[in-house]
Amino acid sequence: MQNTISFLKILADKNRLSILYFLSKKELCVCDLMQLIPLTQGALSIQLKNLSKENLLSSRKDGKWVFYKLSEDINTSHKQILNKVFNEIKNDNYIKQTSKIRSQSCKN
């Protein structure tokens, strides 16, 4: 039961939910996420750490860049909940306004 409570608490934040939504669409680095979500790098890193701690994200390092994506190891019931939530928020004005990811890579 504690696992479910922790999962629902993670979803109860606009920024964390937005991070999960965007990372469900595409693998992104911190600088891409900063273009989408109005957080400082430090605040964004804390949110990514919290999401990773709950096993919702996976990451890979490429040189000095860390790329994040939604974890493939999320349990089935949590994945179903996420898909329903993502379906509900995809037309939200906040999500629509911030969905334009810049085309230039962070490495440039």
N, C-alpha and C. Protein backbone atom coordinates (compact mmCIF):
# COMPACT_ATOMS: atom_id res chain seq x y z
N MET A 1 0.82 -1.20 0.00
CA MET A 1 0.00 0.00 0.00
C MET A 1 0.87 1.26 0.00
N GLN A 2 2.00 1.22 0.70
CA GLN A 2 2.88 2.38 0.76
C GLN A 2 3.41 2.74 -0.62
N ASN A 3 3.67 1.73 -1.45
CA ASN A 3 4.14 1.95 -2.81
C ASN A 3 3.11 2.76 -3.62
N THR A 4 1.84 2.43 -3.46
CA THR A 4 0.77 3.14 -4.17
C THR A 4 0.64 4.57 -3.66
N ILE A 5 0.75 4.76 -2.36
CA ILE A 5 0.67 6.11 -1.78
C ILE A 5 1.82 6.97 -2.31
N SER A 6 3.03 6.43 -2.32
CA SER A 6 4.18 7.17 -2.85
C SER A 6 3.99 7.52 -4.31
N PHE A 7 3.48 6.59 -5.08
CA PHE A 7 3.23 6.82 -6.51
C PHE A 7 2.21 7.95 -6.71
N LEU A 8 1.13 7.92 -5.96
CA LEU A 8 0.10 8.95 -6.11
C LEU A 8 0.60 10.32 -5.64
N LYS A 9 1.43 10.34 -4.61
CA LYS A 9 2.02 11.61 -4.17
C LYS A 9 2.90 12.22 -5.26
N ILE A 10 3.66 11.38 -5.94
CA ILE A 10 4.51 11.85 -7.04
C ILE A 10 3.65 12.49 -8.13
N LEU A 11 2.50 11.92 -8.42
CA LEU A 11 1.63 12.45 -9.47
C LEU A 11 0.92 13.73 -9.07
N ALA A 12 0.90 14.04 -7.78
CA ALA A 12 0.14 15.18 -7.27
C ALA A 12 0.89 16.50 -7.38
N ASP A 13 1.82 16.60 -8.30
CA ASP A 13 2.58 17.83 -8.50
C ASP A 13 2.61 18.14 -9.99
N LYS A 14 2.24 19.36 -10.34
CA LYS A 14 2.16 19.77 -11.75
C LYS A 14 3.48 19.60 -12.49
N ASN A 15 4.57 19.98 -11.86
CA ASN A 15 5.87 19.88 -12.51
C ASN A 15 6.31 18.43 -12.71
N ARG A 16 6.15 17.61 -11.68
CA ARG A 16 6.53 16.20 -11.82
C ARG A 16 5.66 15.50 -12.86
N LEU A 17 4.38 15.80 -12.85
CA LEU A 17 3.48 15.19 -13.82
C LEU A 17 3.85 15.63 -15.24
N SER A 18 4.20 16.88 -15.40
CA SER A 18 4.63 17.39 -16.71
C SER A 18 5.92 16.71 -17.16
N ILE A 19 6.86 16.56 -16.24
CA ILE A 19 8.12 15.88 -16.57
C ILE A 19 7.82 14.46 -17.06
N LEU A 20 6.99 13.75 -16.33
CA LEU A 20 6.64 12.38 -16.73
C LEU A 20 5.97 12.36 -18.10
N TYR A 21 5.07 13.31 -18.33
CA TYR A 21 4.37 13.36 -19.62
C TYR A 21 5.37 13.57 -20.76
N PHE A 22 6.22 14.57 -20.64
CA PHE A 22 7.17 14.86 -21.72
C PHE A 22 8.16 13.71 -21.93
N LEU A 23 8.58 13.09 -20.84
CA LEU A 23 9.53 11.98 -20.97
C LEU A 23 8.86 10.71 -21.48
N SER A 24 7.55 10.65 -21.43
CA SER A 24 6.85 9.51 -22.03
C SER A 24 6.82 9.64 -23.55
N LYS A 25 7.03 10.85 -24.04
CA LYS A 25 7.00 11.11 -25.48
C LYS A 25 8.37 10.99 -26.13
N LYS A 26 9.42 11.36 -25.36
CA LYS A 26 10.74 11.46 -25.97
C LYS A 26 11.81 11.48 -24.87
N GLU A 27 12.94 10.89 -25.16
CA GLU A 27 14.09 10.98 -24.26
C GLU A 27 14.61 12.42 -24.31
N LEU A 28 14.84 13.01 -23.13
CA LEU A 28 15.27 14.41 -23.06
C LEU A 28 16.38 14.58 -22.04
N CYS A 29 17.19 15.61 -22.27
CA CYS A 29 18.21 15.97 -21.28
C CYS A 29 17.65 17.11 -20.42
N VAL A 30 18.37 17.46 -19.39
CA VAL A 30 17.92 18.49 -18.45
C VAL A 30 17.68 19.82 -19.17
N CYS A 31 18.57 20.19 -20.09
CA CYS A 31 18.38 21.49 -20.76
C CYS A 31 17.12 21.50 -21.62
N ASP A 32 16.75 20.35 -22.22
CA ASP A 32 15.48 20.28 -22.96
C ASP A 32 14.31 20.45 -22.01
N LEU A 33 14.37 19.77 -20.87
CA LEU A 33 13.29 19.88 -19.89
C LEU A 33 13.17 21.30 -19.35
N MET A 34 14.30 21.99 -19.20
CA MET A 34 14.26 23.38 -18.73
C MET A 34 13.56 24.29 -19.73
N GLN A 35 13.60 23.93 -21.02
CA GLN A 35 12.88 24.69 -22.04
C GLN A 35 11.37 24.50 -21.89
N LEU A 36 10.98 23.37 -21.32
CA LEU A 36 9.56 23.01 -21.23
C LEU A 36 8.92 23.35 -19.89
N ILE A 37 9.69 23.27 -18.84
CA ILE A 37 9.13 23.40 -17.49
C ILE A 37 9.82 24.55 -16.78
N PRO A 38 9.04 25.47 -16.22
CA PRO A 38 9.62 26.68 -15.61
C PRO A 38 10.26 26.43 -14.24
N LEU A 39 11.36 25.68 -14.25
CA LEU A 39 12.10 25.41 -13.03
C LEU A 39 13.57 25.72 -13.26
N THR A 40 14.26 26.06 -12.19
CA THR A 40 15.71 26.23 -12.29
C THR A 40 16.33 24.84 -12.48
N GLN A 41 17.58 24.82 -12.88
CA GLN A 41 18.25 23.54 -13.07
C GLN A 41 18.29 22.74 -11.77
N GLY A 42 18.55 23.42 -10.66
CA GLY A 42 18.59 22.74 -9.37
C GLY A 42 17.25 22.14 -8.97
N ALA A 43 16.19 22.92 -9.15
CA ALA A 43 14.85 22.43 -8.81
C ALA A 43 14.44 21.28 -9.71
N LEU A 44 14.78 21.39 -10.99
CA LEU A 44 14.47 20.31 -11.93
C LEU A 44 15.24 19.04 -11.58
N SER A 45 16.49 19.19 -11.20
CA SER A 45 17.30 18.04 -10.81
C SER A 45 16.72 17.33 -9.59
N ILE A 46 16.20 18.10 -8.65
CA ILE A 46 15.56 17.51 -7.47
C ILE A 46 14.33 16.70 -7.89
N GLN A 47 13.52 17.26 -8.79
CA GLN A 47 12.33 16.55 -9.26
C GLN A 47 12.72 15.27 -10.00
N LEU A 48 13.76 15.34 -10.83
CA LEU A 48 14.23 14.16 -11.55
C LEU A 48 14.74 13.10 -10.58
N LYS A 49 15.42 13.54 -9.53
CA LYS A 49 15.91 12.60 -8.51
C LYS A 49 14.74 11.91 -7.81
N ASN A 50 13.70 12.69 -7.45
CA ASN A 50 12.52 12.12 -6.80
C ASN A 50 11.82 11.11 -7.70
N LEU A 51 11.68 11.44 -8.97
CA LEU A 51 11.03 10.53 -9.92
C LEU A 51 11.87 9.27 -10.14
N SER A 52 13.17 9.44 -10.19
CA SER A 52 14.07 8.28 -10.36
C SER A 52 14.02 7.38 -9.13
N LYS A 53 13.95 8.00 -7.94
CA LYS A 53 13.89 7.24 -6.69
C LYS A 53 12.65 6.35 -6.64
N GLU A 54 11.58 6.79 -7.29
CA GLU A 54 10.34 6.01 -7.35
C GLU A 54 10.35 5.03 -8.53
N ASN A 55 11.50 4.91 -9.19
CA ASN A 55 11.67 4.00 -10.34
C ASN A 55 10.76 4.34 -11.52
N LEU A 56 10.46 5.63 -11.68
CA LEU A 56 9.62 6.05 -12.80
C LEU A 56 10.44 6.51 -14.00
N LEU A 57 11.72 6.79 -13.78
CA LEU A 57 12.59 7.25 -14.86
C LEU A 57 13.80 6.34 -14.99
N SER A 58 14.30 6.30 -16.20
CA SER A 58 15.62 5.70 -16.43
C SER A 58 16.48 6.76 -17.09
N SER A 59 17.77 6.62 -16.97
CA SER A 59 18.67 7.62 -17.54
C SER A 59 19.87 6.94 -18.16
N ARG A 60 20.50 7.68 -19.06
CA ARG A 60 21.75 7.22 -19.65
C ARG A 60 22.65 8.43 -19.80
N LYS A 61 23.92 8.19 -19.67
CA LYS A 61 24.89 9.28 -19.78
C LYS A 61 25.56 9.22 -21.14
N ASP A 62 25.69 10.38 -21.76
CA ASP A 62 26.38 10.51 -23.05
C ASP A 62 27.35 11.67 -22.91
N GLY A 63 28.59 11.36 -22.59
CA GLY A 63 29.56 12.41 -22.31
C GLY A 63 29.17 13.12 -21.03
N LYS A 64 29.04 14.44 -21.10
CA LYS A 64 28.63 15.19 -19.91
C LYS A 64 27.11 15.36 -19.82
N TRP A 65 26.38 14.80 -20.76
CA TRP A 65 24.92 14.94 -20.81
C TRP A 65 24.24 13.71 -20.24
N VAL A 66 23.18 13.92 -19.48
CA VAL A 66 22.36 12.83 -18.96
C VAL A 66 20.99 12.94 -19.62
N PHE A 67 20.55 11.85 -20.23
CA PHE A 67 19.26 11.81 -20.91
C PHE A 67 18.30 10.95 -20.09
N TYR A 68 17.09 11.42 -19.96
CA TYR A 68 16.07 10.75 -19.17
C TYR A 68 14.92 10.31 -20.06
N LYS A 69 14.26 9.23 -19.64
CA LYS A 69 13.04 8.78 -20.29
C LYS A 69 12.20 8.05 -19.25
N LEU A 70 10.95 7.84 -19.59
CA LEU A 70 10.08 7.08 -18.71
C LEU A 70 10.61 5.65 -18.62
N SER A 71 10.68 5.13 -17.43
CA SER A 71 11.23 3.79 -17.22
C SER A 71 10.34 2.73 -17.86
N GLU A 72 10.98 1.71 -18.39
CA GLU A 72 10.24 0.57 -18.94
C GLU A 72 9.87 -0.41 -17.83
N ASP A 73 10.39 -0.20 -16.63
CA ASP A 73 10.17 -1.11 -15.51
C ASP A 73 9.05 -0.68 -14.57
N ILE A 74 8.23 0.27 -14.98
CA ILE A 74 7.10 0.70 -14.14
C ILE A 74 6.10 -0.45 -14.08
N ASN A 75 5.59 -0.73 -12.88
CA ASN A 75 4.66 -1.85 -12.78
C ASN A 75 3.38 -1.58 -13.58
N THR A 76 2.73 -2.64 -13.97
CA THR A 76 1.61 -2.57 -14.91
C THR A 76 0.49 -1.66 -14.44
N SER A 77 0.10 -1.76 -13.19
CA SER A 77 -1.02 -0.94 -12.71
C SER A 77 -0.64 0.54 -12.70
N HIS A 78 0.59 0.86 -12.34
CA HIS A 78 1.03 2.26 -12.36
C HIS A 78 1.13 2.77 -13.80
N LYS A 79 1.57 1.92 -14.70
CA LYS A 79 1.65 2.29 -16.11
C LYS A 79 0.25 2.60 -16.67
N GLN A 80 -0.73 1.81 -16.28
CA GLN A 80 -2.11 2.05 -16.72
C GLN A 80 -2.63 3.38 -16.18
N ILE A 81 -2.35 3.67 -14.93
CA ILE A 81 -2.76 4.95 -14.34
C ILE A 81 -2.09 6.09 -15.08
N LEU A 82 -0.78 5.98 -15.31
CA LEU A 82 -0.06 7.03 -16.03
C LEU A 82 -0.66 7.26 -17.42
N ASN A 83 -0.95 6.20 -18.14
CA ASN A 83 -1.53 6.35 -19.48
C ASN A 83 -2.88 7.06 -19.44
N LYS A 84 -3.70 6.76 -18.45
CA LYS A 84 -4.99 7.44 -18.31
C LYS A 84 -4.78 8.92 -17.98
N VAL A 85 -3.86 9.20 -17.08
CA VAL A 85 -3.57 10.59 -16.71
C VAL A 85 -3.01 11.34 -17.91
N PHE A 86 -2.07 10.75 -18.63
CA PHE A 86 -1.49 11.40 -19.81
C PHE A 86 -2.56 11.69 -20.85
N ASN A 87 -3.49 10.77 -21.02
CA ASN A 87 -4.58 10.97 -21.97
C ASN A 87 -5.45 12.15 -21.55
N GLU A 88 -5.63 12.33 -20.26
CA GLU A 88 -6.43 13.45 -19.75
C GLU A 88 -5.72 14.79 -19.89
N ILE A 89 -4.42 14.82 -19.67
CA ILE A 89 -3.71 16.11 -19.64
C ILE A 89 -3.15 16.53 -21.00
N LYS A 90 -3.17 15.65 -21.98
CA LYS A 90 -2.54 15.99 -23.27
C LYS A 90 -3.16 17.22 -23.93
N ASN A 91 -4.40 17.53 -23.62
CA ASN A 91 -5.06 18.70 -24.19
C ASN A 91 -5.10 19.89 -23.23
N ASP A 92 -4.43 19.76 -22.11
CA ASP A 92 -4.35 20.85 -21.15
C ASP A 92 -3.56 22.01 -21.77
N ASN A 93 -4.00 23.23 -21.52
CA ASN A 93 -3.33 24.40 -22.10
C ASN A 93 -1.86 24.47 -21.72
N TYR A 94 -1.54 24.15 -20.48
CA TYR A 94 -0.14 24.19 -20.04
C TYR A 94 0.71 23.23 -20.87
N ILE A 95 0.22 22.03 -21.06
CA ILE A 95 0.94 21.02 -21.84
C ILE A 95 1.06 21.46 -23.29
N LYS A 96 -0.03 21.97 -23.84
CA LYS A 96 0.00 22.42 -25.24
C LYS A 96 1.00 23.56 -25.44
N GLN A 97 1.01 24.50 -24.51
CA GLN A 97 1.89 25.67 -24.63
C GLN A 97 3.36 25.30 -24.51
N THR A 98 3.65 24.27 -23.77
CA THR A 98 5.05 23.92 -23.53
C THR A 98 5.52 22.72 -24.34
N SER A 99 4.69 22.23 -25.24
CA SER A 99 5.03 21.01 -25.98
C SER A 99 6.02 21.21 -27.11
N LYS A 100 6.38 22.41 -27.42
CA LYS A 100 7.32 22.66 -28.51
C LYS A 100 8.76 22.53 -28.00
N ILE A 101 9.36 21.41 -28.28
CA ILE A 101 10.75 21.19 -27.88
C ILE A 101 11.64 21.78 -28.95
N ARG A 102 12.61 22.54 -28.52
CA ARG A 102 13.49 23.17 -29.50
C ARG A 102 14.18 22.11 -30.34
N SER A 103 14.44 22.45 -31.57
CA SER A 103 15.02 21.48 -32.50
C SER A 103 16.53 21.37 -32.35
N GLN A 104 17.15 22.36 -31.74
CA GLN A 104 18.60 22.35 -31.59
C GLN A 104 18.99 21.44 -30.42
N SER A 105 19.99 20.64 -30.62
CA SER A 105 20.47 19.74 -29.58
C SER A 105 21.21 20.53 -28.49
N CYS A 106 21.20 20.00 -27.28
CA CYS A 106 21.93 20.62 -26.17
C CYS A 106 23.43 20.64 -26.43
N LYS A 107 23.89 19.73 -27.22
CA LYS A 107 25.33 19.59 -27.45
C LYS A 107 25.89 20.70 -28.32
N ASN A 108 25.06 21.46 -28.96
CA ASN A 108 25.54 22.54 -29.85
C ASN A 108 25.76 23.82 -29.09
